[in-house]
């Protein structure tokens, strides 16, 4: 089931992923979307920065029945019905259980802990998928349980590839997937360094960007 879920998880660049599961479509942090896009049943927004909370991109995939879940500041930027949540909350949407977890910087000031910005652990069809949002390697990660972990690796605004590898070891998913590279900041080499650190420890899937 994990391999099936991974095959239905499309990386659309930066921190944006699209998941097809249980007959529905979920977008995480939609940004710079292009092409013929299937409409969303569920949209999850980690925080208010423009490359994660993009009202224009959300309009491209939103339909009347789309459920949008976001942290408070991001929710305020979006029109219509949006559910604002904070770390520690769990909500359900159709077949999805969504746990909001913390995402913050420890040695830089771009994502303060006090802002209550988010990562998400989404459970569907018995598989737990962790989208870390923009975060450093934080102590809370040792308590997260996930089968698939989507982790930023670029450094600068988030953890480095080496720090992300340590995070992966704490979380111990079946598969770790690097993100937050190849767009605003970060290179393919960051993803490759991340993978190299986890050889013979955790399976790493370096995603290939899809345009639609």
N, C-alpha and C. Protein backbone atom coordinates (compact mmCIF):
# COMPACT_ATOMS: atom_id res chain seq x y z
N UNK A 1 0.82 -1.21 0.00
CA UNK A 1 0.00 0.00 0.00
C UNK A 1 0.86 1.27 0.00
N UNK A 2 2.01 1.22 0.68
CA UNK A 2 2.88 2.40 0.72
C UNK A 2 3.43 2.70 -0.68
N UNK A 3 3.82 1.66 -1.40
CA UNK A 3 4.33 1.88 -2.77
C UNK A 3 3.23 2.43 -3.66
N UNK A 4 2.02 1.93 -3.49
CA UNK A 4 0.90 2.45 -4.28
C UNK A 4 0.67 3.92 -3.96
N UNK A 5 0.70 4.27 -2.68
CA UNK A 5 0.49 5.65 -2.28
C UNK A 5 1.59 6.55 -2.85
N UNK A 6 2.82 6.05 -2.81
CA UNK A 6 3.94 6.82 -3.34
C UNK A 6 3.78 7.05 -4.84
N UNK A 7 3.28 6.06 -5.55
CA UNK A 7 3.10 6.20 -6.99
C UNK A 7 1.97 7.18 -7.33
N UNK A 8 1.10 7.43 -6.36
CA UNK A 8 0.00 8.39 -6.56
C UNK A 8 0.29 9.75 -5.95
N UNK A 9 1.56 9.97 -5.59
CA UNK A 9 1.99 11.23 -4.99
C UNK A 9 2.86 11.97 -6.00
N UNK A 10 2.34 13.05 -6.55
CA UNK A 10 3.05 13.82 -7.57
C UNK A 10 3.68 15.06 -6.96
N UNK A 11 4.96 15.27 -7.26
CA UNK A 11 5.65 16.50 -6.84
C UNK A 11 5.47 17.53 -7.93
N UNK A 12 4.88 18.68 -7.59
CA UNK A 12 4.64 19.74 -8.56
C UNK A 12 5.64 20.88 -8.42
N UNK A 13 6.69 20.66 -7.65
CA UNK A 13 7.73 21.66 -7.46
C UNK A 13 7.69 22.27 -6.07
N UNK A 14 8.87 22.68 -5.59
CA UNK A 14 9.03 23.33 -4.30
C UNK A 14 8.45 22.43 -3.20
N UNK A 15 7.44 22.89 -2.46
CA UNK A 15 6.83 22.06 -1.41
C UNK A 15 5.46 21.55 -1.82
N UNK A 16 5.11 21.70 -3.08
CA UNK A 16 3.78 21.35 -3.54
C UNK A 16 3.70 19.90 -4.00
N UNK A 17 2.78 19.16 -3.39
CA UNK A 17 2.51 17.78 -3.79
C UNK A 17 1.02 17.62 -4.04
N UNK A 18 0.70 16.68 -4.93
CA UNK A 18 -0.68 16.28 -5.17
C UNK A 18 -0.80 14.79 -4.89
N UNK A 19 -1.75 14.43 -4.06
CA UNK A 19 -1.98 13.04 -3.70
C UNK A 19 -3.34 12.58 -4.21
N UNK A 20 -3.34 11.43 -4.87
CA UNK A 20 -4.59 10.79 -5.28
C UNK A 20 -4.78 9.57 -4.37
N UNK A 21 -5.83 9.59 -3.59
CA UNK A 21 -6.07 8.48 -2.66
C UNK A 21 -7.56 8.41 -2.32
N UNK A 22 -8.05 7.19 -2.16
CA UNK A 22 -9.44 6.96 -1.78
C UNK A 22 -10.41 7.68 -2.70
N UNK A 23 -10.05 7.79 -3.97
CA UNK A 23 -10.92 8.43 -4.94
C UNK A 23 -10.97 9.94 -4.85
N UNK A 24 -10.07 10.54 -4.08
CA UNK A 24 -10.05 11.99 -3.93
C UNK A 24 -8.66 12.55 -4.23
N UNK A 25 -8.60 13.87 -4.34
CA UNK A 25 -7.34 14.55 -4.68
C UNK A 25 -7.03 15.61 -3.63
N UNK A 26 -5.81 15.52 -3.10
CA UNK A 26 -5.32 16.45 -2.09
C UNK A 26 -4.14 17.22 -2.65
N UNK A 27 -4.11 18.52 -2.43
CA UNK A 27 -2.94 19.33 -2.75
C UNK A 27 -2.34 19.87 -1.45
N UNK A 28 -1.02 19.76 -1.33
CA UNK A 28 -0.27 20.37 -0.24
C UNK A 28 0.42 21.62 -0.77
N UNK A 29 0.20 22.76 -0.14
CA UNK A 29 0.88 24.02 -0.47
C UNK A 29 0.94 24.29 -1.97
N UNK A 30 -0.21 24.39 -2.65
CA UNK A 30 -0.18 24.61 -4.11
C UNK A 30 0.49 25.93 -4.47
N UNK A 31 1.44 25.84 -5.43
CA UNK A 31 2.25 27.01 -5.80
C UNK A 31 2.79 26.80 -7.21
N UNK A 32 2.67 27.85 -8.03
CA UNK A 32 3.16 27.83 -9.41
C UNK A 32 2.58 26.64 -10.19
N UNK A 33 1.29 26.46 -10.06
CA UNK A 33 0.62 25.37 -10.76
C UNK A 33 0.44 25.71 -12.23
N UNK A 34 0.54 24.70 -13.08
CA UNK A 34 0.36 24.91 -14.51
C UNK A 34 -0.24 23.65 -15.13
N UNK A 35 -0.76 23.81 -16.34
CA UNK A 35 -1.29 22.66 -17.07
C UNK A 35 -2.74 22.37 -16.73
N UNK A 36 -3.19 21.23 -17.16
CA UNK A 36 -4.57 20.79 -16.95
C UNK A 36 -4.65 20.11 -15.59
N UNK A 37 -5.15 20.82 -14.62
CA UNK A 37 -5.09 20.38 -13.22
C UNK A 37 -6.41 19.79 -12.76
N UNK A 38 -6.38 18.60 -12.19
CA UNK A 38 -7.62 18.05 -11.62
C UNK A 38 -8.02 18.87 -10.39
N UNK A 39 -9.31 19.13 -10.22
CA UNK A 39 -9.75 19.92 -9.08
C UNK A 39 -9.51 19.21 -7.76
N UNK A 40 -9.36 20.00 -6.72
CA UNK A 40 -9.02 19.47 -5.39
C UNK A 40 -10.26 19.13 -4.59
N UNK A 41 -10.20 18.02 -3.87
CA UNK A 41 -11.18 17.73 -2.83
C UNK A 41 -10.72 18.33 -1.51
N UNK A 42 -9.40 18.39 -1.31
CA UNK A 42 -8.83 18.89 -0.07
C UNK A 42 -7.54 19.64 -0.39
N UNK A 43 -7.39 20.81 0.22
CA UNK A 43 -6.16 21.61 0.09
C UNK A 43 -5.64 21.88 1.49
N UNK A 44 -4.34 21.61 1.69
CA UNK A 44 -3.70 21.86 2.98
C UNK A 44 -2.62 22.93 2.79
N UNK A 45 -2.66 23.96 3.62
CA UNK A 45 -1.72 25.08 3.52
C UNK A 45 -0.96 25.17 4.83
N UNK A 46 0.37 25.12 4.74
CA UNK A 46 1.19 25.02 5.95
C UNK A 46 1.40 26.36 6.66
N UNK A 47 1.56 27.44 5.87
CA UNK A 47 1.76 28.75 6.48
C UNK A 47 1.58 29.85 5.44
N UNK A 48 1.68 31.10 5.87
CA UNK A 48 1.23 32.21 5.04
C UNK A 48 2.23 32.71 4.00
N UNK A 49 3.45 32.26 3.98
CA UNK A 49 4.42 32.74 2.99
C UNK A 49 3.91 32.50 1.57
N UNK A 50 4.26 33.41 0.67
CA UNK A 50 3.68 33.42 -0.68
C UNK A 50 3.90 32.13 -1.46
N UNK A 51 5.00 31.43 -1.17
CA UNK A 51 5.31 30.21 -1.90
C UNK A 51 4.66 28.98 -1.29
N UNK A 52 3.79 29.21 -0.32
CA UNK A 52 3.03 28.12 0.31
C UNK A 52 1.54 28.44 0.34
N UNK A 53 1.23 29.69 0.56
CA UNK A 53 -0.15 30.16 0.54
C UNK A 53 -0.32 31.09 -0.65
N UNK A 54 -0.80 30.54 -1.75
CA UNK A 54 -0.95 31.30 -3.00
C UNK A 54 -2.42 31.30 -3.42
N UNK A 55 -3.15 32.37 -3.10
CA UNK A 55 -4.57 32.43 -3.46
C UNK A 55 -4.82 32.20 -4.95
N UNK A 56 -3.93 32.73 -5.81
CA UNK A 56 -4.12 32.56 -7.26
C UNK A 56 -4.02 31.09 -7.66
N UNK A 57 -3.09 30.38 -7.07
CA UNK A 57 -2.96 28.96 -7.40
C UNK A 57 -4.13 28.15 -6.84
N UNK A 58 -4.59 28.52 -5.67
CA UNK A 58 -5.72 27.81 -5.08
C UNK A 58 -6.97 27.98 -5.95
N UNK A 59 -7.14 29.15 -6.55
CA UNK A 59 -8.29 29.38 -7.44
C UNK A 59 -8.28 28.41 -8.62
N UNK A 60 -7.12 28.00 -9.05
CA UNK A 60 -7.02 27.11 -10.22
C UNK A 60 -7.56 25.72 -9.94
N UNK A 61 -7.57 25.32 -8.68
CA UNK A 61 -7.94 23.94 -8.35
C UNK A 61 -9.15 23.86 -7.42
N UNK A 62 -9.62 25.00 -6.98
CA UNK A 62 -10.73 25.01 -6.03
C UNK A 62 -12.05 24.81 -6.76
N UNK A 63 -12.93 24.04 -6.15
CA UNK A 63 -14.30 23.88 -6.63
C UNK A 63 -15.23 24.13 -5.44
N UNK A 64 -16.52 24.12 -5.69
CA UNK A 64 -17.47 24.49 -4.64
C UNK A 64 -17.33 23.62 -3.39
N UNK A 65 -17.03 22.34 -3.61
CA UNK A 65 -16.98 21.41 -2.48
C UNK A 65 -15.58 21.26 -1.88
N UNK A 66 -14.59 21.97 -2.39
CA UNK A 66 -13.22 21.82 -1.89
C UNK A 66 -13.11 22.23 -0.43
N UNK A 67 -12.48 21.39 0.36
CA UNK A 67 -12.20 21.69 1.76
C UNK A 67 -10.79 22.26 1.84
N UNK A 68 -10.64 23.42 2.48
CA UNK A 68 -9.32 24.03 2.65
C UNK A 68 -9.03 24.11 4.15
N UNK A 69 -7.85 23.62 4.51
CA UNK A 69 -7.39 23.66 5.90
C UNK A 69 -6.05 24.38 5.92
N UNK A 70 -5.91 25.34 6.82
CA UNK A 70 -4.71 26.17 6.85
C UNK A 70 -4.44 26.67 8.25
N UNK A 71 -3.21 27.12 8.47
CA UNK A 71 -2.96 27.80 9.74
C UNK A 71 -3.62 29.18 9.70
N UNK A 72 -3.74 29.82 10.85
CA UNK A 72 -4.58 31.00 11.00
C UNK A 72 -4.21 32.14 10.06
N UNK A 73 -2.92 32.47 9.93
CA UNK A 73 -2.52 33.60 9.10
C UNK A 73 -2.76 33.32 7.62
N UNK A 74 -2.51 32.09 7.22
CA UNK A 74 -2.78 31.71 5.83
C UNK A 74 -4.28 31.73 5.56
N UNK A 75 -5.06 31.24 6.50
CA UNK A 75 -6.52 31.21 6.32
C UNK A 75 -7.07 32.61 6.10
N UNK A 76 -6.48 33.61 6.76
CA UNK A 76 -6.95 34.98 6.63
C UNK A 76 -6.71 35.55 5.23
N UNK A 77 -5.81 34.95 4.48
CA UNK A 77 -5.50 35.42 3.13
C UNK A 77 -6.39 34.77 2.06
N UNK A 78 -7.17 33.79 2.47
CA UNK A 78 -7.96 33.02 1.53
C UNK A 78 -9.44 33.33 1.69
N UNK A 79 -10.13 33.47 0.57
CA UNK A 79 -11.56 33.78 0.62
C UNK A 79 -12.39 32.50 0.74
N UNK A 80 -13.65 32.68 1.10
CA UNK A 80 -14.55 31.54 1.19
C UNK A 80 -14.35 30.74 2.46
N UNK A 81 -14.86 29.54 2.45
CA UNK A 81 -14.82 28.70 3.65
C UNK A 81 -13.46 28.04 3.81
N UNK A 82 -12.77 28.40 4.86
CA UNK A 82 -11.47 27.84 5.18
C UNK A 82 -11.45 27.49 6.66
N UNK A 83 -10.96 26.31 6.99
CA UNK A 83 -10.84 25.90 8.39
C UNK A 83 -9.43 26.19 8.88
N UNK A 84 -9.33 27.04 9.89
CA UNK A 84 -8.03 27.39 10.47
C UNK A 84 -7.75 26.45 11.64
N UNK A 85 -6.55 25.86 11.65
CA UNK A 85 -6.18 24.97 12.75
C UNK A 85 -4.79 25.32 13.25
N UNK A 86 -4.43 24.76 14.38
CA UNK A 86 -3.13 25.03 14.99
C UNK A 86 -2.49 23.72 15.42
N UNK A 87 -1.20 23.76 15.75
CA UNK A 87 -0.50 22.53 16.13
C UNK A 87 -1.22 21.80 17.26
N UNK A 88 -1.31 20.49 17.12
CA UNK A 88 -1.96 19.67 18.13
C UNK A 88 -3.39 19.31 17.80
N UNK A 89 -3.98 20.00 16.82
CA UNK A 89 -5.36 19.69 16.43
C UNK A 89 -5.41 18.57 15.39
N UNK A 90 -6.47 17.80 15.42
CA UNK A 90 -6.74 16.77 14.43
C UNK A 90 -8.14 16.97 13.89
N UNK A 91 -8.26 16.97 12.56
CA UNK A 91 -9.57 17.11 11.92
C UNK A 91 -9.72 16.00 10.89
N UNK A 92 -10.95 15.74 10.49
CA UNK A 92 -11.20 14.76 9.44
C UNK A 92 -11.89 15.43 8.27
N UNK A 93 -11.61 14.92 7.08
CA UNK A 93 -12.26 15.38 5.86
C UNK A 93 -12.45 14.17 4.96
N UNK A 94 -13.68 13.69 4.86
CA UNK A 94 -13.91 12.48 4.07
C UNK A 94 -13.05 11.34 4.60
N UNK A 95 -12.26 10.71 3.70
CA UNK A 95 -11.44 9.58 4.13
C UNK A 95 -10.13 9.97 4.80
N UNK A 96 -9.89 11.26 4.95
CA UNK A 96 -8.60 11.74 5.45
C UNK A 96 -8.68 12.17 6.91
N UNK A 97 -7.70 11.73 7.71
CA UNK A 97 -7.50 12.27 9.05
C UNK A 97 -6.26 13.15 9.00
N UNK A 98 -6.40 14.39 9.43
CA UNK A 98 -5.33 15.38 9.27
C UNK A 98 -4.88 15.86 10.65
N UNK A 99 -3.63 15.58 10.98
CA UNK A 99 -3.05 16.03 12.23
C UNK A 99 -2.14 17.23 11.95
N UNK A 100 -2.36 18.31 12.66
CA UNK A 100 -1.51 19.48 12.52
C UNK A 100 -0.36 19.38 13.51
N UNK A 101 0.87 19.49 13.01
CA UNK A 101 2.06 19.42 13.86
C UNK A 101 2.90 20.67 13.67
N UNK A 102 3.85 20.86 14.53
CA UNK A 102 4.65 22.09 14.49
C UNK A 102 5.66 22.09 13.35
N UNK A 103 5.92 23.30 12.85
CA UNK A 103 6.98 23.53 11.86
C UNK A 103 7.59 24.90 12.19
N UNK A 104 8.89 24.91 12.50
CA UNK A 104 9.50 26.17 12.89
C UNK A 104 11.02 26.10 12.77
N UNK A 105 11.64 27.28 12.82
CA UNK A 105 13.10 27.38 12.78
C UNK A 105 13.68 27.37 14.19
N UNK A 106 14.86 26.77 14.30
CA UNK A 106 15.56 26.76 15.59
C UNK A 106 16.78 27.67 15.59
N UNK A 107 17.36 27.92 14.41
CA UNK A 107 18.60 28.71 14.34
C UNK A 107 18.53 29.79 13.29
N UNK A 108 17.31 30.19 12.94
CA UNK A 108 17.06 31.30 12.01
C UNK A 108 15.69 31.86 12.33
N UNK A 109 15.30 32.96 11.68
CA UNK A 109 14.11 33.69 12.13
C UNK A 109 12.97 33.73 11.11
N UNK A 110 13.04 32.91 10.08
CA UNK A 110 12.03 32.99 9.02
C UNK A 110 10.68 32.38 9.44
N UNK A 111 10.75 31.37 10.30
CA UNK A 111 9.54 30.64 10.71
C UNK A 111 9.55 30.48 12.23
N UNK A 112 9.14 31.51 12.96
CA UNK A 112 9.20 31.46 14.42
C UNK A 112 8.22 30.44 15.00
N UNK A 113 8.64 29.79 16.05
CA UNK A 113 7.77 28.80 16.71
C UNK A 113 6.47 29.45 17.18
N UNK A 114 6.55 30.69 17.63
CA UNK A 114 5.38 31.39 18.17
C UNK A 114 4.28 31.59 17.13
N UNK A 115 4.62 31.50 15.85
CA UNK A 115 3.61 31.70 14.81
C UNK A 115 2.65 30.52 14.67
N UNK A 116 3.00 29.39 15.27
CA UNK A 116 2.14 28.20 15.18
C UNK A 116 1.91 27.75 13.75
N UNK A 117 2.94 27.85 12.92
CA UNK A 117 2.84 27.36 11.55
C UNK A 117 2.95 25.83 11.56
N UNK A 118 2.59 25.24 10.41
CA UNK A 118 2.25 23.83 10.45
C UNK A 118 3.02 22.92 9.51
N UNK A 119 3.14 21.69 9.94
CA UNK A 119 3.30 20.53 9.08
C UNK A 119 2.02 19.71 9.24
N UNK A 120 1.85 18.71 8.39
CA UNK A 120 0.64 17.88 8.46
C UNK A 120 1.01 16.41 8.41
N UNK A 121 0.32 15.61 9.20
CA UNK A 121 0.37 14.16 9.06
C UNK A 121 -1.02 13.72 8.62
N UNK A 122 -1.10 13.22 7.40
CA UNK A 122 -2.37 12.83 6.81
C UNK A 122 -2.44 11.30 6.76
N UNK A 123 -3.50 10.75 7.32
CA UNK A 123 -3.71 9.31 7.27
C UNK A 123 -4.85 9.00 6.32
N UNK A 124 -4.58 8.11 5.36
CA UNK A 124 -5.59 7.69 4.40
C UNK A 124 -5.27 6.26 3.97
N UNK A 125 -6.27 5.43 3.90
CA UNK A 125 -6.10 4.03 3.52
C UNK A 125 -5.00 3.34 4.34
N UNK A 126 -4.93 3.70 5.61
CA UNK A 126 -3.97 3.07 6.51
C UNK A 126 -2.54 3.54 6.40
N UNK A 127 -2.28 4.54 5.55
CA UNK A 127 -0.93 5.07 5.35
C UNK A 127 -0.84 6.48 5.92
N UNK A 128 0.25 6.74 6.63
CA UNK A 128 0.48 8.06 7.23
C UNK A 128 1.53 8.82 6.43
N UNK A 129 1.15 9.98 5.92
CA UNK A 129 2.03 10.82 5.11
C UNK A 129 2.30 12.12 5.86
N UNK A 130 3.57 12.40 6.11
CA UNK A 130 3.97 13.61 6.83
C UNK A 130 4.53 14.62 5.83
N UNK A 131 3.87 15.77 5.74
CA UNK A 131 4.38 16.90 4.97
C UNK A 131 4.89 17.90 5.99
N UNK A 132 6.19 18.12 6.01
CA UNK A 132 6.82 18.86 7.10
C UNK A 132 6.60 20.36 7.06
N UNK A 133 6.16 20.91 5.91
CA UNK A 133 6.11 22.36 5.79
C UNK A 133 7.52 22.93 5.82
N UNK A 134 7.63 24.21 6.18
CA UNK A 134 8.95 24.85 6.28
C UNK A 134 9.43 24.75 7.72
N UNK A 135 10.45 23.94 7.93
CA UNK A 135 10.88 23.69 9.30
C UNK A 135 12.36 23.34 9.36
N UNK A 136 12.92 23.51 10.52
CA UNK A 136 14.22 22.96 10.83
C UNK A 136 14.02 21.57 11.45
N UNK A 137 15.11 20.94 11.76
CA UNK A 137 15.10 19.68 12.51
C UNK A 137 14.72 20.03 13.95
N UNK A 138 13.54 19.61 14.38
CA UNK A 138 13.01 20.02 15.69
C UNK A 138 12.79 18.80 16.59
N UNK A 139 12.83 19.00 17.91
CA UNK A 139 12.71 17.87 18.84
C UNK A 139 11.40 17.09 18.68
N UNK A 140 10.33 17.78 18.30
CA UNK A 140 9.04 17.11 18.17
C UNK A 140 9.05 15.97 17.17
N UNK A 141 9.95 16.03 16.21
CA UNK A 141 9.96 15.02 15.15
C UNK A 141 10.17 13.61 15.69
N UNK A 142 10.85 13.50 16.81
CA UNK A 142 11.09 12.18 17.39
C UNK A 142 9.79 11.49 17.78
N UNK A 143 8.72 12.27 17.94
CA UNK A 143 7.44 11.70 18.31
C UNK A 143 6.48 11.51 17.15
N UNK A 144 6.90 11.89 15.95
CA UNK A 144 6.02 11.77 14.79
C UNK A 144 6.10 10.35 14.24
N UNK A 145 4.96 9.82 13.84
CA UNK A 145 4.91 8.51 13.20
C UNK A 145 4.39 8.69 11.78
N UNK A 146 5.18 8.25 10.81
CA UNK A 146 4.79 8.40 9.41
C UNK A 146 5.38 7.27 8.59
N UNK A 147 4.64 6.86 7.59
CA UNK A 147 5.13 5.87 6.63
C UNK A 147 5.91 6.54 5.51
N UNK A 148 5.45 7.72 5.10
CA UNK A 148 6.11 8.51 4.06
C UNK A 148 6.35 9.90 4.65
N UNK A 149 7.59 10.37 4.60
CA UNK A 149 7.93 11.68 5.15
C UNK A 149 8.47 12.58 4.05
N UNK A 150 7.81 13.71 3.85
CA UNK A 150 8.22 14.72 2.88
C UNK A 150 8.96 15.81 3.64
N UNK A 151 10.27 15.92 3.38
CA UNK A 151 11.13 16.75 4.22
C UNK A 151 11.89 17.79 3.40
N UNK A 152 11.89 19.06 3.82
CA UNK A 152 12.68 20.08 3.12
C UNK A 152 14.17 19.85 3.34
N UNK A 153 14.96 20.14 2.30
CA UNK A 153 16.39 19.80 2.36
C UNK A 153 17.32 20.92 1.92
N UNK A 154 16.79 22.10 1.61
CA UNK A 154 17.60 23.12 0.92
C UNK A 154 18.49 23.95 1.81
N UNK A 155 18.23 23.95 3.12
CA UNK A 155 18.93 24.92 3.95
C UNK A 155 18.36 26.31 3.71
N UNK A 156 19.06 27.35 4.15
CA UNK A 156 18.69 28.78 4.05
C UNK A 156 17.46 29.09 4.89
N UNK A 157 16.28 28.67 4.46
CA UNK A 157 15.05 28.96 5.18
C UNK A 157 14.57 27.77 6.01
N UNK A 158 15.11 26.61 5.73
CA UNK A 158 14.69 25.36 6.36
C UNK A 158 15.93 24.54 6.71
N UNK A 159 15.74 23.31 7.14
CA UNK A 159 16.90 22.49 7.48
C UNK A 159 17.72 22.10 6.25
N UNK A 160 18.98 21.83 6.48
CA UNK A 160 19.88 21.39 5.42
C UNK A 160 19.63 19.92 5.10
N UNK A 161 20.24 19.44 4.04
CA UNK A 161 20.13 18.02 3.69
C UNK A 161 20.60 17.13 4.84
N UNK A 162 21.69 17.53 5.47
CA UNK A 162 22.22 16.72 6.57
C UNK A 162 21.29 16.73 7.77
N UNK A 163 20.71 17.89 8.09
CA UNK A 163 19.75 17.98 9.20
C UNK A 163 18.48 17.20 8.87
N UNK A 164 18.06 17.28 7.61
CA UNK A 164 16.86 16.54 7.20
C UNK A 164 17.07 15.04 7.30
N UNK A 165 18.29 14.59 7.01
CA UNK A 165 18.59 13.16 7.16
C UNK A 165 18.48 12.75 8.62
N UNK A 166 18.94 13.59 9.52
CA UNK A 166 18.80 13.28 10.94
C UNK A 166 17.33 13.25 11.35
N UNK A 167 16.56 14.18 10.79
CA UNK A 167 15.11 14.18 11.05
C UNK A 167 14.49 12.88 10.58
N UNK A 168 14.89 12.43 9.41
CA UNK A 168 14.36 11.17 8.87
C UNK A 168 14.68 10.00 9.80
N UNK A 169 15.88 10.00 10.35
CA UNK A 169 16.26 8.92 11.27
C UNK A 169 15.39 8.95 12.53
N UNK A 170 15.05 10.15 13.00
CA UNK A 170 14.17 10.26 14.16
C UNK A 170 12.76 9.76 13.85
N UNK A 171 12.24 10.14 12.69
CA UNK A 171 10.86 9.79 12.32
C UNK A 171 10.78 8.33 11.90
N UNK A 172 11.83 7.86 11.22
CA UNK A 172 11.94 6.47 10.77
C UNK A 172 10.78 6.03 9.88
N UNK A 173 10.53 6.77 8.79
CA UNK A 173 9.47 6.37 7.86
C UNK A 173 9.93 5.20 7.00
N UNK A 174 8.98 4.59 6.31
CA UNK A 174 9.34 3.57 5.34
C UNK A 174 10.04 4.20 4.14
N UNK A 175 9.60 5.41 3.77
CA UNK A 175 10.18 6.14 2.64
C UNK A 175 10.30 7.61 3.00
N UNK A 176 11.45 8.21 2.71
CA UNK A 176 11.66 9.65 2.89
C UNK A 176 11.77 10.31 1.52
N UNK A 177 11.12 11.46 1.39
CA UNK A 177 11.06 12.17 0.11
C UNK A 177 11.55 13.60 0.32
N UNK A 178 12.65 14.00 -0.34
CA UNK A 178 13.11 15.38 -0.19
C UNK A 178 12.23 16.36 -0.96
N UNK A 179 12.12 17.58 -0.44
CA UNK A 179 11.38 18.65 -1.11
C UNK A 179 12.08 19.97 -0.80
N UNK A 180 11.46 21.08 -1.25
CA UNK A 180 12.02 22.42 -1.03
C UNK A 180 13.38 22.55 -1.70
N UNK A 181 13.42 22.16 -2.98
CA UNK A 181 14.62 22.36 -3.80
C UNK A 181 14.18 22.52 -5.24
N UNK A 182 15.08 23.10 -6.05
CA UNK A 182 14.83 23.19 -7.48
C UNK A 182 13.92 24.33 -7.90
N UNK A 183 13.57 25.23 -6.97
CA UNK A 183 12.70 26.34 -7.35
C UNK A 183 13.28 27.63 -6.77
N UNK A 184 12.76 28.09 -5.66
CA UNK A 184 13.21 29.34 -5.07
C UNK A 184 14.61 29.20 -4.47
N UNK A 185 14.84 28.07 -3.85
CA UNK A 185 16.13 27.82 -3.22
C UNK A 185 16.34 26.31 -3.22
N UNK A 186 17.60 25.90 -3.21
CA UNK A 186 17.92 24.48 -3.18
C UNK A 186 18.14 23.90 -4.56
N UNK A 187 19.00 22.89 -4.62
CA UNK A 187 19.36 22.26 -5.89
C UNK A 187 19.13 20.75 -5.81
N UNK A 188 19.17 20.12 -6.95
CA UNK A 188 19.08 18.66 -7.01
C UNK A 188 20.15 18.02 -6.13
N UNK A 189 21.29 18.67 -6.05
CA UNK A 189 22.38 18.12 -5.24
C UNK A 189 22.02 18.04 -3.77
N UNK A 190 21.14 18.92 -3.29
CA UNK A 190 20.69 18.83 -1.90
C UNK A 190 19.90 17.55 -1.68
N UNK A 191 19.02 17.23 -2.63
CA UNK A 191 18.25 15.99 -2.53
C UNK A 191 19.17 14.78 -2.58
N UNK A 192 20.19 14.85 -3.42
CA UNK A 192 21.12 13.73 -3.55
C UNK A 192 21.97 13.55 -2.30
N UNK A 193 22.37 14.66 -1.66
CA UNK A 193 23.12 14.56 -0.40
C UNK A 193 22.26 13.96 0.69
N UNK A 194 21.01 14.35 0.72
CA UNK A 194 20.05 13.78 1.67
C UNK A 194 19.96 12.27 1.49
N UNK A 195 19.80 11.85 0.24
CA UNK A 195 19.70 10.41 -0.04
C UNK A 195 20.97 9.67 0.36
N UNK A 196 22.11 10.28 0.09
CA UNK A 196 23.39 9.64 0.39
C UNK A 196 23.56 9.41 1.88
N UNK A 197 23.05 10.33 2.70
CA UNK A 197 23.17 10.20 4.15
C UNK A 197 22.33 9.05 4.71
N UNK A 198 21.35 8.62 3.92
CA UNK A 198 20.42 7.61 4.42
C UNK A 198 20.58 6.25 3.76
N UNK A 199 21.63 6.09 2.97
CA UNK A 199 21.88 4.80 2.32
C UNK A 199 21.97 3.69 3.36
N UNK A 200 21.27 2.60 3.10
CA UNK A 200 21.22 1.43 4.00
C UNK A 200 20.56 1.73 5.35
N UNK A 201 19.88 2.87 5.43
CA UNK A 201 19.19 3.22 6.67
C UNK A 201 17.68 3.41 6.42
N UNK A 202 17.37 4.29 5.48
CA UNK A 202 15.97 4.58 5.14
C UNK A 202 15.88 4.72 3.62
N UNK A 203 14.87 4.12 3.03
CA UNK A 203 14.67 4.26 1.59
C UNK A 203 14.33 5.72 1.26
N UNK A 204 14.98 6.26 0.24
CA UNK A 204 14.73 7.63 -0.20
C UNK A 204 14.22 7.60 -1.64
N UNK A 205 13.16 8.35 -1.86
CA UNK A 205 12.61 8.55 -3.20
C UNK A 205 12.80 10.00 -3.58
N UNK A 206 13.69 10.28 -4.54
CA UNK A 206 13.86 11.65 -5.02
C UNK A 206 12.83 11.88 -6.13
N UNK A 207 11.88 12.79 -5.92
CA UNK A 207 10.79 12.93 -6.88
C UNK A 207 11.21 13.67 -8.14
N UNK A 208 10.52 13.38 -9.21
CA UNK A 208 10.69 14.09 -10.47
C UNK A 208 9.49 15.02 -10.64
N UNK A 209 9.76 16.27 -10.95
CA UNK A 209 8.69 17.27 -11.02
C UNK A 209 7.72 16.97 -12.16
N UNK A 210 6.43 17.07 -11.85
CA UNK A 210 5.38 16.95 -12.86
C UNK A 210 4.79 18.33 -13.10
N UNK A 211 4.43 18.62 -14.33
CA UNK A 211 3.94 19.95 -14.66
C UNK A 211 2.43 20.07 -14.51
N UNK A 212 1.72 18.93 -14.41
CA UNK A 212 0.28 19.02 -14.22
C UNK A 212 -0.23 17.75 -13.53
